[in-house]
Amino acid sequence: MEQKEMILQRIKEVFEKPVKCDTFYTEDEKVSIEIVSCANSPFQGVTSYSTLGVYQCENLLTIDGKELNVEFVGICDSRNIWFDGLLSTCAFAMKKGKVRAHPYEVYSDIIPVYQPNIDMKPILLIPPFSLNHDLGVIETDNRIVTWLMLNPISENEFIYMQKHGVEKLIDAFVQYDIDIYDLYRKSIF
């Protein structure tokens, strides 16, 4: 089975419902990325998304002599109409070599392209959670593919994370019981 097919199969298994695939293009139409979406997954009222093709980007990480590559995943309130575009913009940044994808990396200038007037501006890349099943890893002869979840945060939350660490920020999210699927939520700081 081809690697792209294996990744799509894993996404379908984890999302547990029929998925929809859309292709997004850069403005010059030279670069494309597929975005897989699934409404009401992992539960009613939210939509799960995953990129399909970011794994082909050089990520400058290796494990046991194999390239470590990623796909992006995200979950948001189903009423949101721009999250797939946000995911594609992150993917294009990877494909063009402008960013790398490592756990707890922060992308700063992507959300304002879509929504300049909301509190959530940086994107924190974290290991996926809140899906019904783990996406895990897919390993081939020369590559390991895993997923990182886009978690929008506010500028003040980002500053807090820089001062106190990502674990303390996550603890604060739990303490304040934030709705992680609400991209329009207010900052906790």
N, C-alpha and C. Protein backbone atom coordinates (compact mmCIF):
# COMPACT_ATOMS: atom_id res chain seq x y z
N MET A 1 0.85 -1.18 0.00
CA MET A 1 0.00 0.00 0.00
C MET A 1 0.90 1.24 0.00
N GLU A 2 0.58 2.20 -0.84
CA GLU A 2 1.33 3.44 -0.92
C GLU A 2 1.19 4.23 0.38
N GLN A 3 2.22 5.00 0.72
CA GLN A 3 2.23 5.72 1.99
C GLN A 3 1.04 6.67 2.13
N LYS A 4 0.71 7.40 1.08
CA LYS A 4 -0.42 8.32 1.14
C LYS A 4 -1.72 7.56 1.42
N GLU A 5 -1.89 6.42 0.81
CA GLU A 5 -3.08 5.59 1.06
C GLU A 5 -3.12 5.10 2.50
N MET A 6 -1.95 4.74 3.04
CA MET A 6 -1.89 4.28 4.43
C MET A 6 -2.29 5.41 5.38
N ILE A 7 -1.85 6.63 5.10
CA ILE A 7 -2.17 7.77 5.94
C ILE A 7 -3.67 8.07 5.87
N LEU A 8 -4.22 8.07 4.66
CA LEU A 8 -5.66 8.32 4.51
C LEU A 8 -6.47 7.24 5.21
N GLN A 9 -6.04 6.01 5.11
CA GLN A 9 -6.75 4.91 5.79
C GLN A 9 -6.74 5.11 7.30
N ARG A 10 -5.61 5.53 7.86
CA ARG A 10 -5.53 5.78 9.31
C ARG A 10 -6.47 6.92 9.70
N ILE A 11 -6.50 7.99 8.91
CA ILE A 11 -7.39 9.11 9.20
C ILE A 11 -8.84 8.63 9.22
N LYS A 12 -9.22 7.85 8.23
CA LYS A 12 -10.60 7.34 8.16
C LYS A 12 -10.93 6.48 9.38
N GLU A 13 -9.99 5.64 9.80
CA GLU A 13 -10.21 4.78 10.97
C GLU A 13 -10.42 5.62 12.23
N VAL A 14 -9.63 6.65 12.40
CA VAL A 14 -9.69 7.46 13.62
C VAL A 14 -10.90 8.38 13.61
N PHE A 15 -11.22 8.98 12.47
CA PHE A 15 -12.36 9.88 12.40
C PHE A 15 -13.69 9.12 12.48
N GLU A 16 -13.69 7.83 12.13
CA GLU A 16 -14.82 6.90 12.32
C GLU A 16 -16.08 7.21 11.52
N LYS A 17 -16.06 8.14 10.63
CA LYS A 17 -17.24 8.46 9.83
C LYS A 17 -16.77 8.74 8.42
N PRO A 18 -17.67 8.83 7.48
CA PRO A 18 -17.24 9.18 6.11
C PRO A 18 -16.50 10.52 6.11
N VAL A 19 -15.42 10.57 5.35
CA VAL A 19 -14.62 11.78 5.28
C VAL A 19 -14.80 12.44 3.91
N LYS A 20 -14.47 13.72 3.88
CA LYS A 20 -14.50 14.49 2.64
C LYS A 20 -13.08 14.99 2.39
N CYS A 21 -12.62 14.91 1.15
CA CYS A 21 -11.28 15.40 0.79
C CYS A 21 -11.43 16.58 -0.16
N ASP A 22 -10.76 17.68 0.19
CA ASP A 22 -10.72 18.86 -0.66
C ASP A 22 -9.27 19.20 -0.95
N THR A 23 -9.01 19.73 -2.13
CA THR A 23 -7.67 20.15 -2.49
C THR A 23 -7.60 21.67 -2.45
N PHE A 24 -6.58 22.17 -1.76
CA PHE A 24 -6.33 23.60 -1.65
C PHE A 24 -5.06 23.92 -2.44
N TYR A 25 -5.04 25.11 -3.04
CA TYR A 25 -3.90 25.54 -3.85
C TYR A 25 -3.37 26.88 -3.35
N THR A 26 -2.07 27.10 -3.54
CA THR A 26 -1.51 28.41 -3.29
C THR A 26 -2.07 29.37 -4.34
N GLU A 27 -1.92 30.67 -4.10
CA GLU A 27 -2.46 31.66 -5.02
C GLU A 27 -1.94 31.47 -6.44
N ASP A 28 -0.67 31.09 -6.58
CA ASP A 28 -0.11 30.88 -7.91
C ASP A 28 -0.41 29.48 -8.47
N GLU A 29 -1.12 28.68 -7.69
CA GLU A 29 -1.54 27.32 -8.05
C GLU A 29 -0.38 26.36 -8.33
N LYS A 30 0.79 26.68 -7.80
CA LYS A 30 1.96 25.81 -8.01
C LYS A 30 2.07 24.72 -6.95
N VAL A 31 1.45 24.96 -5.79
CA VAL A 31 1.53 24.00 -4.69
C VAL A 31 0.11 23.67 -4.25
N SER A 32 -0.12 22.38 -3.98
CA SER A 32 -1.45 21.97 -3.51
C SER A 32 -1.31 21.08 -2.28
N ILE A 33 -2.40 21.00 -1.55
CA ILE A 33 -2.46 20.12 -0.37
C ILE A 33 -3.88 19.63 -0.23
N GLU A 34 -4.03 18.40 0.19
CA GLU A 34 -5.35 17.86 0.44
C GLU A 34 -5.69 18.03 1.93
N ILE A 35 -6.93 18.40 2.18
CA ILE A 35 -7.44 18.51 3.54
C ILE A 35 -8.60 17.53 3.67
N VAL A 36 -8.49 16.64 4.63
CA VAL A 36 -9.52 15.65 4.91
C VAL A 36 -10.36 16.18 6.07
N SER A 37 -11.66 16.16 5.93
CA SER A 37 -12.52 16.63 7.02
C SER A 37 -13.61 15.62 7.33
N CYS A 38 -14.11 15.70 8.55
CA CYS A 38 -15.15 14.79 8.98
C CYS A 38 -16.03 15.50 10.00
N ALA A 39 -17.26 15.82 9.60
CA ALA A 39 -18.20 16.50 10.50
C ALA A 39 -18.66 15.56 11.60
N ASN A 40 -18.93 16.15 12.76
CA ASN A 40 -19.43 15.41 13.92
C ASN A 40 -18.49 14.30 14.37
N SER A 41 -17.20 14.59 14.30
CA SER A 41 -16.18 13.66 14.76
C SER A 41 -15.13 14.45 15.54
N PRO A 42 -14.83 14.12 16.75
CA PRO A 42 -15.17 12.90 17.45
C PRO A 42 -16.56 12.92 18.11
N PHE A 43 -17.26 14.05 18.06
CA PHE A 43 -18.63 14.07 18.61
C PHE A 43 -19.44 15.15 17.89
N GLN A 44 -20.73 15.14 18.13
CA GLN A 44 -21.67 16.07 17.49
C GLN A 44 -21.25 17.52 17.71
N GLY A 45 -21.25 18.31 16.64
CA GLY A 45 -21.01 19.75 16.75
C GLY A 45 -19.59 20.20 16.49
N VAL A 46 -18.66 19.26 16.33
CA VAL A 46 -17.29 19.62 15.98
C VAL A 46 -16.90 18.90 14.70
N THR A 47 -15.92 19.45 14.01
CA THR A 47 -15.40 18.85 12.79
C THR A 47 -13.92 18.59 12.97
N SER A 48 -13.49 17.40 12.57
CA SER A 48 -12.07 17.04 12.61
C SER A 48 -11.48 17.22 11.22
N TYR A 49 -10.23 17.68 11.19
CA TYR A 49 -9.52 17.92 9.94
C TYR A 49 -8.14 17.30 10.02
N SER A 50 -7.62 16.89 8.87
CA SER A 50 -6.23 16.46 8.78
C SER A 50 -5.69 16.83 7.41
N THR A 51 -4.42 17.21 7.39
CA THR A 51 -3.76 17.39 6.11
C THR A 51 -3.43 16.01 5.55
N LEU A 52 -3.19 15.97 4.26
CA LEU A 52 -2.76 14.74 3.60
C LEU A 52 -1.72 15.14 2.55
N GLY A 53 -0.46 14.98 2.91
CA GLY A 53 0.61 15.34 1.99
C GLY A 53 1.75 16.10 2.64
N VAL A 54 1.54 16.62 3.85
CA VAL A 54 2.62 17.33 4.54
C VAL A 54 3.77 16.37 4.86
N TYR A 55 3.46 15.10 5.03
CA TYR A 55 4.49 14.11 5.36
C TYR A 55 5.62 14.09 4.34
N GLN A 56 5.39 14.60 3.15
CA GLN A 56 6.42 14.61 2.11
C GLN A 56 7.43 15.73 2.29
N CYS A 57 7.17 16.65 3.23
CA CYS A 57 8.05 17.79 3.47
C CYS A 57 9.22 17.41 4.37
N GLU A 58 10.38 17.93 4.06
CA GLU A 58 11.53 17.73 4.92
C GLU A 58 11.27 18.42 6.26
N ASN A 59 11.49 17.71 7.35
CA ASN A 59 11.22 18.25 8.68
C ASN A 59 12.46 18.32 9.56
N LEU A 60 13.60 17.87 9.03
CA LEU A 60 14.89 17.96 9.70
C LEU A 60 14.96 17.20 11.02
N LEU A 61 14.13 16.19 11.19
CA LEU A 61 14.19 15.33 12.37
C LEU A 61 14.33 13.88 11.92
N THR A 62 15.10 13.12 12.68
CA THR A 62 15.23 11.69 12.40
C THR A 62 15.09 10.90 13.69
N ILE A 63 14.64 9.66 13.53
CA ILE A 63 14.58 8.70 14.63
C ILE A 63 15.12 7.39 14.09
N ASP A 64 16.13 6.87 14.73
CA ASP A 64 16.75 5.61 14.30
C ASP A 64 17.08 5.61 12.81
N GLY A 65 17.58 6.74 12.33
CA GLY A 65 18.00 6.84 10.93
C GLY A 65 16.87 7.04 9.94
N LYS A 66 15.65 7.21 10.43
CA LYS A 66 14.51 7.44 9.54
C LYS A 66 14.01 8.87 9.69
N GLU A 67 13.57 9.45 8.57
CA GLU A 67 12.98 10.78 8.62
C GLU A 67 11.71 10.75 9.48
N LEU A 68 11.54 11.77 10.32
CA LEU A 68 10.30 11.92 11.08
C LEU A 68 9.50 13.03 10.42
N ASN A 69 8.38 12.67 9.85
CA ASN A 69 7.53 13.62 9.14
C ASN A 69 6.16 13.68 9.81
N VAL A 70 5.42 14.73 9.52
CA VAL A 70 4.14 14.94 10.19
C VAL A 70 3.03 15.25 9.20
N GLU A 71 1.83 15.09 9.71
CA GLU A 71 0.62 15.66 9.14
C GLU A 71 0.01 16.51 10.24
N PHE A 72 -0.74 17.52 9.86
CA PHE A 72 -1.42 18.37 10.84
C PHE A 72 -2.85 17.88 11.02
N VAL A 73 -3.34 17.96 12.25
CA VAL A 73 -4.71 17.62 12.57
C VAL A 73 -5.29 18.75 13.42
N GLY A 74 -6.58 18.93 13.33
CA GLY A 74 -7.23 19.94 14.16
C GLY A 74 -8.71 19.64 14.30
N ILE A 75 -9.29 20.14 15.37
CA ILE A 75 -10.71 19.95 15.64
C ILE A 75 -11.29 21.30 16.06
N CYS A 76 -12.43 21.64 15.48
CA CYS A 76 -13.05 22.91 15.89
C CYS A 76 -14.56 22.80 15.78
N ASP A 77 -15.21 23.79 16.37
CA ASP A 77 -16.66 23.92 16.28
C ASP A 77 -17.06 23.87 14.80
N SER A 78 -18.05 23.07 14.48
CA SER A 78 -18.46 22.88 13.07
C SER A 78 -18.98 24.15 12.42
N ARG A 79 -19.35 25.15 13.20
CA ARG A 79 -19.81 26.41 12.62
C ARG A 79 -18.68 27.22 12.03
N ASN A 80 -17.44 26.86 12.37
CA ASN A 80 -16.28 27.57 11.84
C ASN A 80 -16.13 27.26 10.35
N ILE A 81 -15.92 28.29 9.55
CA ILE A 81 -15.84 28.08 8.09
C ILE A 81 -14.45 28.33 7.52
N TRP A 82 -13.46 28.60 8.35
CA TRP A 82 -12.13 28.91 7.83
C TRP A 82 -11.02 28.01 8.35
N PHE A 83 -11.35 27.01 9.16
CA PHE A 83 -10.29 26.19 9.75
C PHE A 83 -9.55 25.36 8.70
N ASP A 84 -10.25 24.89 7.69
CA ASP A 84 -9.56 24.12 6.64
C ASP A 84 -8.54 25.00 5.91
N GLY A 85 -8.88 26.27 5.70
CA GLY A 85 -7.92 27.19 5.10
C GLY A 85 -6.71 27.41 5.99
N LEU A 86 -6.96 27.51 7.30
CA LEU A 86 -5.87 27.66 8.27
C LEU A 86 -4.92 26.47 8.20
N LEU A 87 -5.50 25.28 8.15
CA LEU A 87 -4.70 24.06 8.05
C LEU A 87 -3.89 24.06 6.76
N SER A 88 -4.51 24.47 5.65
CA SER A 88 -3.80 24.48 4.37
C SER A 88 -2.66 25.50 4.39
N THR A 89 -2.86 26.64 5.04
CA THR A 89 -1.80 27.64 5.12
C THR A 89 -0.61 27.12 5.92
N CYS A 90 -0.86 26.41 7.00
CA CYS A 90 0.22 25.77 7.76
C CYS A 90 0.95 24.76 6.88
N ALA A 91 0.19 24.00 6.12
CA ALA A 91 0.78 22.99 5.24
C ALA A 91 1.63 23.65 4.15
N PHE A 92 1.14 24.74 3.57
CA PHE A 92 1.91 25.43 2.54
C PHE A 92 3.20 26.00 3.12
N ALA A 93 3.15 26.50 4.34
CA ALA A 93 4.36 27.01 4.98
C ALA A 93 5.40 25.90 5.13
N MET A 94 4.93 24.69 5.46
CA MET A 94 5.84 23.53 5.53
C MET A 94 6.38 23.20 4.15
N LYS A 95 5.49 23.12 3.17
CA LYS A 95 5.91 22.73 1.82
C LYS A 95 6.91 23.71 1.22
N LYS A 96 6.78 24.98 1.59
CA LYS A 96 7.70 26.00 1.06
C LYS A 96 8.95 26.15 1.92
N GLY A 97 9.05 25.35 2.99
CA GLY A 97 10.24 25.38 3.84
C GLY A 97 10.31 26.57 4.77
N LYS A 98 9.20 27.25 5.00
CA LYS A 98 9.20 28.44 5.87
C LYS A 98 9.13 28.08 7.35
N VAL A 99 8.58 26.91 7.67
CA VAL A 99 8.47 26.46 9.06
C VAL A 99 8.80 24.98 9.13
N ARG A 100 9.03 24.51 10.33
CA ARG A 100 9.18 23.09 10.62
C ARG A 100 8.09 22.73 11.62
N ALA A 101 7.82 21.46 11.76
CA ALA A 101 6.76 21.01 12.66
C ALA A 101 7.34 20.12 13.74
N HIS A 102 7.47 20.69 14.92
CA HIS A 102 7.98 19.98 16.08
C HIS A 102 6.97 20.15 17.21
N PRO A 103 6.85 19.18 18.10
CA PRO A 103 5.94 19.37 19.24
C PRO A 103 6.27 20.65 20.00
N TYR A 104 5.23 21.40 20.32
CA TYR A 104 5.28 22.64 21.10
C TYR A 104 5.89 23.81 20.33
N GLU A 105 6.05 23.65 19.03
CA GLU A 105 6.41 24.77 18.14
C GLU A 105 5.21 25.71 18.08
N VAL A 106 5.47 27.00 17.90
CA VAL A 106 4.40 27.99 17.80
C VAL A 106 4.51 28.73 16.47
N TYR A 107 3.41 28.77 15.73
CA TYR A 107 3.32 29.56 14.50
C TYR A 107 2.56 30.83 14.84
N SER A 108 3.14 31.97 14.50
CA SER A 108 2.57 33.23 14.96
C SER A 108 1.71 33.99 13.96
N ASP A 109 1.97 33.91 12.72
CA ASP A 109 1.37 34.86 11.77
C ASP A 109 0.34 34.24 10.82
N ILE A 110 -0.32 33.17 11.22
CA ILE A 110 -1.23 32.50 10.30
C ILE A 110 -2.69 32.82 10.59
N ILE A 111 -3.14 32.74 11.83
CA ILE A 111 -4.55 33.00 12.15
C ILE A 111 -4.97 34.41 11.75
N PRO A 112 -4.15 35.45 11.99
CA PRO A 112 -4.59 36.80 11.60
C PRO A 112 -4.89 36.96 10.11
N VAL A 113 -4.36 36.10 9.27
CA VAL A 113 -4.70 36.13 7.84
C VAL A 113 -6.19 35.87 7.66
N TYR A 114 -6.75 35.01 8.49
CA TYR A 114 -8.15 34.62 8.39
C TYR A 114 -9.06 35.43 9.31
N GLN A 115 -8.59 35.69 10.52
CA GLN A 115 -9.41 36.37 11.53
C GLN A 115 -8.52 37.33 12.33
N PRO A 116 -8.34 38.56 11.84
CA PRO A 116 -7.41 39.47 12.53
C PRO A 116 -7.93 40.00 13.86
N ASN A 117 -9.21 39.89 14.14
CA ASN A 117 -9.78 40.54 15.32
C ASN A 117 -10.21 39.59 16.43
N ILE A 118 -9.62 38.39 16.50
CA ILE A 118 -9.96 37.48 17.58
C ILE A 118 -8.76 37.33 18.51
N ASP A 119 -9.00 36.85 19.73
CA ASP A 119 -7.92 36.69 20.71
C ASP A 119 -6.92 35.61 20.31
N MET A 120 -7.40 34.56 19.67
CA MET A 120 -6.52 33.46 19.30
C MET A 120 -5.70 33.86 18.08
N LYS A 121 -4.37 33.97 18.26
CA LYS A 121 -3.52 34.35 17.13
C LYS A 121 -2.40 33.33 16.90
N PRO A 122 -1.57 33.00 17.90
CA PRO A 122 -0.56 31.95 17.67
C PRO A 122 -1.21 30.56 17.61
N ILE A 123 -0.50 29.65 16.99
CA ILE A 123 -0.92 28.24 16.93
C ILE A 123 0.16 27.41 17.63
N LEU A 124 -0.24 26.68 18.64
CA LEU A 124 0.65 25.78 19.37
C LEU A 124 0.48 24.38 18.79
N LEU A 125 1.57 23.78 18.35
CA LEU A 125 1.52 22.40 17.84
C LEU A 125 1.73 21.45 19.00
N ILE A 126 0.77 20.55 19.19
CA ILE A 126 0.82 19.63 20.32
C ILE A 126 0.49 18.21 19.84
N PRO A 127 0.90 17.20 20.60
CA PRO A 127 0.47 15.84 20.26
C PRO A 127 -1.06 15.78 20.30
N PRO A 128 -1.68 15.09 19.34
CA PRO A 128 -3.14 15.06 19.27
C PRO A 128 -3.79 14.44 20.50
N PHE A 129 -4.95 14.97 20.85
CA PHE A 129 -5.76 14.42 21.92
C PHE A 129 -7.22 14.67 21.57
N SER A 130 -8.08 14.14 22.32
CA SER A 130 -9.55 14.26 22.24
C SER A 130 -10.17 13.58 21.03
N LEU A 131 -9.41 12.81 20.28
CA LEU A 131 -10.01 11.95 19.27
C LEU A 131 -10.39 10.64 19.97
N ASN A 132 -11.30 9.90 19.38
CA ASN A 132 -11.72 8.64 20.01
C ASN A 132 -10.63 7.58 19.97
N HIS A 133 -9.70 7.71 19.01
CA HIS A 133 -8.60 6.76 18.87
C HIS A 133 -7.32 7.54 18.59
N ASP A 134 -6.19 6.95 18.92
CA ASP A 134 -4.90 7.58 18.68
C ASP A 134 -4.52 7.44 17.21
N LEU A 135 -4.05 8.52 16.61
CA LEU A 135 -3.57 8.46 15.22
C LEU A 135 -2.28 7.66 15.13
N GLY A 136 -1.50 7.67 16.21
CA GLY A 136 -0.28 6.87 16.27
C GLY A 136 0.76 7.28 15.26
N VAL A 137 1.53 6.32 14.78
CA VAL A 137 2.57 6.56 13.78
C VAL A 137 2.40 5.54 12.65
N ILE A 138 2.89 5.93 11.50
CA ILE A 138 2.97 5.02 10.35
C ILE A 138 4.44 4.94 9.99
N GLU A 139 4.96 3.72 9.97
CA GLU A 139 6.38 3.54 9.72
C GLU A 139 6.59 2.76 8.42
N THR A 140 7.52 3.28 7.60
CA THR A 140 7.92 2.58 6.38
C THR A 140 9.43 2.37 6.46
N ASP A 141 10.03 1.90 5.38
CA ASP A 141 11.46 1.61 5.38
C ASP A 141 12.32 2.83 5.72
N ASN A 142 11.91 4.02 5.24
CA ASN A 142 12.77 5.19 5.42
C ASN A 142 12.10 6.37 6.13
N ARG A 143 10.85 6.20 6.57
CA ARG A 143 10.11 7.34 7.10
C ARG A 143 9.17 6.92 8.21
N ILE A 144 9.02 7.81 9.20
CA ILE A 144 8.02 7.67 10.26
C ILE A 144 7.11 8.88 10.15
N VAL A 145 5.81 8.64 10.08
CA VAL A 145 4.85 9.74 9.98
C VAL A 145 3.98 9.74 11.22
N THR A 146 3.81 10.92 11.81
CA THR A 146 2.93 11.09 12.95
C THR A 146 2.14 12.39 12.76
N TRP A 147 1.31 12.74 13.70
CA TRP A 147 0.45 13.92 13.59
C TRP A 147 0.77 14.91 14.70
N LEU A 148 0.60 16.19 14.39
CA LEU A 148 0.62 17.26 15.38
C LEU A 148 -0.68 18.04 15.25
N MET A 149 -1.24 18.38 16.40
CA MET A 149 -2.53 19.06 16.45
C MET A 149 -2.34 20.57 16.55
N LEU A 150 -3.08 21.31 15.75
CA LEU A 150 -3.08 22.76 15.83
C LEU A 150 -3.99 23.19 16.96
N ASN A 151 -3.42 23.90 17.92
CA ASN A 151 -4.18 24.38 19.07
C ASN A 151 -4.01 25.90 19.14
N PRO A 152 -4.98 26.69 18.63
CA PRO A 152 -4.86 28.14 18.69
C PRO A 152 -4.85 28.63 20.13
N ILE A 153 -3.95 29.58 20.39
CA ILE A 153 -3.83 30.19 21.71
C ILE A 153 -3.75 31.70 21.53
N SER A 154 -3.90 32.43 22.63
CA SER A 154 -3.82 33.89 22.57
C SER A 154 -2.36 34.34 22.75
N GLU A 155 -2.10 35.60 22.44
CA GLU A 155 -0.77 36.17 22.66
C GLU A 155 -0.39 36.09 24.14
N ASN A 156 -1.34 36.40 25.04
CA ASN A 156 -1.05 36.35 26.47
C ASN A 156 -0.79 34.92 26.94
N GLU A 157 -1.50 33.96 26.38
CA GLU A 157 -1.26 32.55 26.72
C GLU A 157 0.12 32.12 26.22
N PHE A 158 0.51 32.63 25.06
CA PHE A 158 1.84 32.33 24.51
C PHE A 158 2.93 32.91 25.42
N ILE A 159 2.75 34.15 25.88
CA ILE A 159 3.71 34.77 26.79
C ILE A 159 3.81 33.98 28.09
N TYR A 160 2.65 33.55 28.61
CA TYR A 160 2.63 32.72 29.82
C TYR A 160 3.42 31.43 29.58
N MET A 161 3.21 30.80 28.43
CA MET A 161 3.91 29.56 28.10
C MET A 161 5.42 29.80 28.03
N GLN A 162 5.84 30.91 27.46
CA GLN A 162 7.28 31.20 27.38
C GLN A 162 7.89 31.36 28.78
N LYS A 163 7.14 31.94 29.69
CA LYS A 163 7.66 32.18 31.05
C LYS A 163 7.60 30.92 31.92
N HIS A 164 6.52 30.13 31.78
CA HIS A 164 6.27 29.04 32.73
C HIS A 164 6.33 27.64 32.11
N GLY A 165 6.38 27.55 30.80
CA GLY A 165 6.45 26.25 30.14
C GLY A 165 5.09 25.78 29.64
N VAL A 166 5.14 24.88 28.68
CA VAL A 166 3.91 24.40 28.04
C VAL A 166 3.05 23.60 29.01
N GLU A 167 3.68 22.84 29.93
CA GLU A 167 2.90 22.04 30.87
C GLU A 167 2.03 22.92 31.76
N LYS A 168 2.59 24.04 32.21
CA LYS A 168 1.82 24.97 33.05
C LYS A 168 0.67 25.60 32.26
N LEU A 169 0.91 25.89 30.99
CA LEU A 169 -0.18 26.43 30.16
C LEU A 169 -1.29 25.41 30.03
N ILE A 170 -0.95 24.17 29.76
CA ILE A 170 -1.96 23.13 29.63
C ILE A 170 -2.70 22.94 30.95
N ASP A 171 -1.98 22.99 32.07
CA ASP A 171 -2.63 22.92 33.39
C ASP A 171 -3.63 24.06 33.55
N ALA A 172 -3.27 25.26 33.11
CA ALA A 172 -4.17 26.41 33.20
C ALA A 172 -5.41 26.20 32.32
N PHE A 173 -5.23 25.62 31.15
CA PHE A 173 -6.38 25.32 30.28
C PHE A 173 -7.34 24.38 31.00
N VAL A 174 -6.80 23.38 31.67
CA VAL A 174 -7.63 22.43 32.42
C VAL A 174 -8.32 23.15 33.58
N GLN A 175 -7.56 23.94 34.31
CA GLN A 175 -8.11 24.66 35.46
C GLN A 175 -9.26 25.58 35.04
N TYR A 176 -9.10 26.29 33.93
CA TYR A 176 -10.13 27.21 33.46
C TYR A 176 -11.19 26.52 32.60
N ASP A 177 -11.00 25.23 32.36
CA ASP A 177 -11.96 24.43 31.59
C ASP A 177 -12.32 25.10 30.26
N ILE A 178 -11.29 25.44 29.48
CA ILE A 178 -11.53 26.14 28.22
C ILE A 178 -12.20 25.21 27.20
N ASP A 179 -12.90 25.80 26.28
CA ASP A 179 -13.47 25.06 25.15
C ASP A 179 -12.44 25.12 24.03
N ILE A 180 -11.64 24.09 23.91
CA ILE A 180 -10.55 24.10 22.94
C ILE A 180 -11.05 24.13 21.50
N TYR A 181 -12.30 23.82 21.27
CA TYR A 181 -12.84 23.79 19.92
C TYR A 181 -13.37 25.16 19.48
N ASP A 182 -13.45 26.10 20.41
CA ASP A 182 -13.98 27.43 20.13
C ASP A 182 -12.83 28.36 19.77
N LEU A 183 -12.68 28.64 18.49
CA LEU A 183 -11.58 29.51 18.04
C LEU A 183 -11.82 30.97 18.38
N TYR A 184 -13.04 31.28 18.82
CA TYR A 184 -13.39 32.65 19.20
C TYR A 184 -13.40 32.84 20.71
N ARG A 185 -12.89 31.85 21.45
CA ARG A 185 -12.89 31.96 22.90
C ARG A 185 -12.02 33.13 23.34
N LYS A 186 -12.25 33.62 24.53
CA LYS A 186 -11.44 34.69 25.10
C LYS A 186 -10.21 34.09 25.78
N SER A 187 -9.15 34.85 25.82
CA SER A 187 -7.91 34.43 26.47
C SER A 187 -8.15 34.24 27.97
N ILE A 188 -7.46 33.26 28.57
CA ILE A 188 -7.60 33.05 30.01
C ILE A 188 -6.71 34.00 30.80
N PHE A 189 -5.80 34.69 30.13
CA PHE A 189 -4.92 35.67 30.81
C PHE A 189 -5.12 37.05 30.21
